Amino acid sequence: SGAPDKIVTTRKGQSLALKKWLGRVKSRQETFFSRMKGFAVLKNRFRHGKRGSSDKMRRHKHCFESIAVLIAYDLEDHPLFEV
């Protein structure tokens, strides 16, 4: 499951500069996730949609993607930090 060919982790033998860069990347990603968490879109039960679970999933996906767009617009004025 997932995409193991696209996952990068810190390992023995990597240069200190690479490990520091990976640390900044991870921190930046966590900062983005904390902004997503601030909207609490996954905190409560999603109760919208009346045409079955596929309709609810489609609406929930739309909601989640909308929040990602709002955060992307916010990042234009308030960037995370350079990697």
N, C-alpha and C. Protein backbone atom coordinates (compact mmCIF):
# COMPACT_ATOMS: atom_id res chain seq x y z
N SER A 1 0.84 -1.18 0.00
CA SER A 1 0.00 0.00 0.00
C SER A 1 0.88 1.23 0.00
N GLY A 2 0.31 2.36 -0.37
CA GLY A 2 1.09 3.59 -0.42
C GLY A 2 1.94 3.65 -1.67
N ALA A 3 2.98 4.45 -1.60
CA ALA A 3 3.89 4.61 -2.74
C ALA A 3 5.32 4.53 -2.23
N PRO A 4 5.82 3.32 -1.92
CA PRO A 4 7.15 3.20 -1.32
C PRO A 4 8.27 3.75 -2.20
N ASP A 5 8.04 3.84 -3.52
CA ASP A 5 9.08 4.39 -4.38
C ASP A 5 9.16 5.92 -4.28
N LYS A 6 8.22 6.54 -3.55
CA LYS A 6 8.21 7.99 -3.41
C LYS A 6 8.47 8.43 -1.97
N ILE A 7 8.72 7.50 -1.08
CA ILE A 7 8.94 7.81 0.32
C ILE A 7 10.44 7.95 0.57
N VAL A 8 10.81 9.02 1.27
CA VAL A 8 12.20 9.25 1.61
C VAL A 8 12.29 9.37 3.13
N THR A 9 13.18 8.60 3.74
CA THR A 9 13.38 8.66 5.18
C THR A 9 14.85 8.92 5.46
N THR A 10 15.14 9.38 6.67
CA THR A 10 16.54 9.55 7.06
C THR A 10 17.11 8.18 7.42
N ARG A 11 18.34 7.96 6.98
CA ARG A 11 19.01 6.68 7.23
C ARG A 11 20.47 6.91 7.55
N LYS A 12 21.07 5.90 8.10
CA LYS A 12 22.52 5.94 8.33
C LYS A 12 23.22 6.11 7.00
N GLY A 13 24.30 6.85 7.02
CA GLY A 13 25.09 7.03 5.81
C GLY A 13 24.71 8.27 5.01
N GLN A 14 23.58 8.88 5.33
CA GLN A 14 23.20 10.11 4.64
C GLN A 14 23.99 11.28 5.22
N SER A 15 24.25 12.26 4.39
CA SER A 15 25.02 13.41 4.85
C SER A 15 24.20 14.21 5.86
N LEU A 16 24.91 14.96 6.68
CA LEU A 16 24.26 15.80 7.68
C LEU A 16 23.38 16.85 7.00
N ALA A 17 23.85 17.39 5.89
CA ALA A 17 23.08 18.39 5.16
C ALA A 17 21.75 17.81 4.66
N LEU A 18 21.78 16.58 4.14
CA LEU A 18 20.56 15.93 3.67
C LEU A 18 19.61 15.67 4.83
N LYS A 19 20.14 15.22 5.95
CA LYS A 19 19.28 14.96 7.12
C LYS A 19 18.63 16.24 7.63
N LYS A 20 19.37 17.34 7.62
CA LYS A 20 18.79 18.62 8.04
C LYS A 20 17.71 19.07 7.07
N TRP A 21 17.96 18.89 5.77
CA TRP A 21 16.97 19.27 4.76
C TRP A 21 15.70 18.44 4.94
N LEU A 22 15.86 17.13 5.13
CA LEU A 22 14.70 16.26 5.34
C LEU A 22 13.93 16.68 6.60
N GLY A 23 14.64 17.10 7.63
CA GLY A 23 13.99 17.58 8.84
C GLY A 23 13.15 18.81 8.58
N ARG A 24 13.67 19.74 7.77
CA ARG A 24 12.91 20.94 7.42
C ARG A 24 11.68 20.58 6.59
N VAL A 25 11.84 19.63 5.67
CA VAL A 25 10.71 19.19 4.84
C VAL A 25 9.61 18.58 5.72
N LYS A 26 10.01 17.74 6.66
CA LYS A 26 9.03 17.12 7.56
C LYS A 26 8.33 18.17 8.41
N SER A 27 9.08 19.15 8.88
CA SER A 27 8.50 20.21 9.70
C SER A 27 7.51 21.04 8.90
N ARG A 28 7.87 21.34 7.66
CA ARG A 28 6.98 22.10 6.79
C ARG A 28 5.68 21.34 6.54
N GLN A 29 5.80 20.04 6.31
CA GLN A 29 4.62 19.21 6.07
C GLN A 29 3.73 19.18 7.31
N GLU A 30 4.32 19.05 8.48
CA GLU A 30 3.54 19.03 9.71
C GLU A 30 2.85 20.37 9.95
N THR A 31 3.50 21.47 9.56
CA THR A 31 2.88 22.78 9.69
C THR A 31 1.65 22.87 8.80
N PHE A 32 1.75 22.35 7.57
CA PHE A 32 0.60 22.33 6.68
C PHE A 32 -0.53 21.48 7.27
N PHE A 33 -0.18 20.32 7.81
CA PHE A 33 -1.19 19.45 8.40
C PHE A 33 -1.87 20.12 9.59
N SER A 34 -1.11 20.89 10.37
CA SER A 34 -1.73 21.58 11.52
C SER A 34 -2.71 22.64 11.04
N ARG A 35 -2.44 23.27 9.89
CA ARG A 35 -3.40 24.23 9.34
C ARG A 35 -4.66 23.50 8.89
N MET A 36 -4.50 22.32 8.30
CA MET A 36 -5.66 21.52 7.91
C MET A 36 -6.46 21.13 9.16
N LYS A 37 -5.75 20.76 10.19
CA LYS A 37 -6.41 20.32 11.42
C LYS A 37 -7.20 21.46 12.06
N GLY A 38 -6.74 22.69 11.85
CA GLY A 38 -7.43 23.85 12.40
C GLY A 38 -8.85 24.00 11.90
N PHE A 39 -9.16 23.46 10.74
CA PHE A 39 -10.51 23.53 10.20
C PHE A 39 -11.40 22.44 10.78
N ALA A 40 -10.83 21.47 11.45
CA ALA A 40 -11.56 20.37 12.11
C ALA A 40 -12.47 19.61 11.15
N VAL A 41 -12.05 19.50 9.89
CA VAL A 41 -12.89 18.81 8.91
C VAL A 41 -12.97 17.31 9.19
N LEU A 42 -11.98 16.76 9.84
CA LEU A 42 -11.99 15.33 10.14
C LEU A 42 -12.36 15.03 11.59
N LYS A 43 -12.59 16.06 12.38
CA LYS A 43 -12.82 15.87 13.81
C LYS A 43 -14.23 15.32 14.10
N ASN A 44 -15.20 15.85 13.42
CA ASN A 44 -16.58 15.47 13.69
C ASN A 44 -17.13 14.60 12.56
N ARG A 45 -18.21 13.93 12.87
CA ARG A 45 -18.87 13.11 11.86
C ARG A 45 -19.41 14.00 10.75
N PHE A 46 -19.18 13.59 9.52
CA PHE A 46 -19.66 14.35 8.36
C PHE A 46 -21.10 13.94 8.09
N ARG A 47 -22.05 14.86 8.22
CA ARG A 47 -23.48 14.54 8.15
C ARG A 47 -24.17 15.09 6.91
N HIS A 48 -23.42 15.48 5.92
CA HIS A 48 -24.02 16.08 4.73
C HIS A 48 -24.17 15.04 3.63
N GLY A 49 -25.15 15.22 2.80
CA GLY A 49 -25.41 14.27 1.72
C GLY A 49 -26.53 13.34 2.11
N LYS A 50 -27.45 13.12 1.19
CA LYS A 50 -28.62 12.31 1.52
C LYS A 50 -28.81 11.14 0.57
N ARG A 51 -27.89 10.95 -0.35
CA ARG A 51 -28.09 9.91 -1.35
C ARG A 51 -27.16 8.71 -1.16
N GLY A 52 -26.88 8.37 0.05
CA GLY A 52 -26.03 7.21 0.31
C GLY A 52 -24.60 7.59 0.60
N SER A 53 -23.80 6.58 0.92
CA SER A 53 -22.42 6.82 1.34
C SER A 53 -21.55 7.38 0.22
N SER A 54 -21.81 7.01 -1.03
CA SER A 54 -20.98 7.53 -2.12
C SER A 54 -21.20 9.03 -2.28
N ASP A 55 -22.41 9.50 -2.09
CA ASP A 55 -22.68 10.94 -2.14
C ASP A 55 -21.99 11.65 -0.98
N LYS A 56 -22.04 11.06 0.21
CA LYS A 56 -21.37 11.66 1.36
C LYS A 56 -19.87 11.72 1.15
N MET A 57 -19.28 10.67 0.59
CA MET A 57 -17.84 10.67 0.33
C MET A 57 -17.47 11.73 -0.69
N ARG A 58 -18.30 11.89 -1.72
CA ARG A 58 -18.04 12.90 -2.75
C ARG A 58 -18.10 14.30 -2.12
N ARG A 59 -19.08 14.54 -1.28
CA ARG A 59 -19.22 15.84 -0.63
C ARG A 59 -18.09 16.08 0.37
N HIS A 60 -17.70 15.05 1.10
CA HIS A 60 -16.61 15.19 2.07
C HIS A 60 -15.31 15.48 1.34
N LYS A 61 -15.07 14.81 0.23
CA LYS A 61 -13.87 15.06 -0.58
C LYS A 61 -13.86 16.51 -1.07
N HIS A 62 -15.01 16.99 -1.52
CA HIS A 62 -15.12 18.37 -1.99
C HIS A 62 -14.79 19.34 -0.86
N CYS A 63 -15.30 19.07 0.34
CA CYS A 63 -15.04 19.91 1.50
C CYS A 63 -13.55 19.93 1.83
N PHE A 64 -12.95 18.76 1.86
CA PHE A 64 -11.52 18.64 2.19
C PHE A 64 -10.67 19.38 1.16
N GLU A 65 -10.98 19.19 -0.12
CA GLU A 65 -10.22 19.86 -1.18
C GLU A 65 -10.42 21.38 -1.13
N SER A 66 -11.61 21.81 -0.76
CA SER A 66 -11.86 23.25 -0.64
C SER A 66 -10.99 23.87 0.45
N ILE A 67 -10.84 23.17 1.55
CA ILE A 67 -9.99 23.66 2.63
C ILE A 67 -8.54 23.70 2.17
N ALA A 68 -8.11 22.70 1.42
CA ALA A 68 -6.74 22.70 0.89
C ALA A 68 -6.51 23.91 -0.01
N VAL A 69 -7.51 24.28 -0.80
CA VAL A 69 -7.40 25.46 -1.66
C VAL A 69 -7.32 26.73 -0.82
N LEU A 70 -8.14 26.83 0.22
CA LEU A 70 -8.09 27.99 1.10
C LEU A 70 -6.71 28.13 1.74
N ILE A 71 -6.14 27.02 2.16
CA ILE A 71 -4.80 27.06 2.75
C ILE A 71 -3.78 27.46 1.70
N ALA A 72 -3.92 26.96 0.47
CA ALA A 72 -3.00 27.33 -0.60
C ALA A 72 -3.04 28.83 -0.85
N TYR A 73 -4.24 29.42 -0.87
CA TYR A 73 -4.35 30.87 -1.03
C TYR A 73 -3.69 31.60 0.14
N ASP A 74 -3.90 31.10 1.34
CA ASP A 74 -3.30 31.71 2.53
C ASP A 74 -1.77 31.64 2.47
N LEU A 75 -1.24 30.56 1.91
CA LEU A 75 0.21 30.39 1.83
C LEU A 75 0.85 31.42 0.90
N GLU A 76 0.07 31.95 -0.04
CA GLU A 76 0.62 32.98 -0.92
C GLU A 76 1.01 34.23 -0.12
N ASP A 77 0.22 34.57 0.90
CA ASP A 77 0.50 35.73 1.73
C ASP A 77 1.28 35.39 3.00
N HIS A 78 1.14 34.18 3.46
CA HIS A 78 1.80 33.73 4.70
C HIS A 78 2.50 32.40 4.45
N PRO A 79 3.61 32.41 3.73
CA PRO A 79 4.28 31.14 3.40
C PRO A 79 4.78 30.43 4.66
N LEU A 80 4.94 29.13 4.54
CA LEU A 80 5.45 28.35 5.67
C LEU A 80 6.87 28.79 5.99
N PHE A 81 7.82 28.30 5.25
CA PHE A 81 9.21 28.71 5.34
C PHE A 81 9.97 28.01 4.23
N GLU A 82 11.12 28.53 3.93
CA GLU A 82 11.93 27.96 2.86
C GLU A 82 12.47 26.59 3.29
N VAL A 83 12.55 25.68 2.35
CA VAL A 83 13.10 24.35 2.65
C VAL A 83 14.53 24.29 2.26
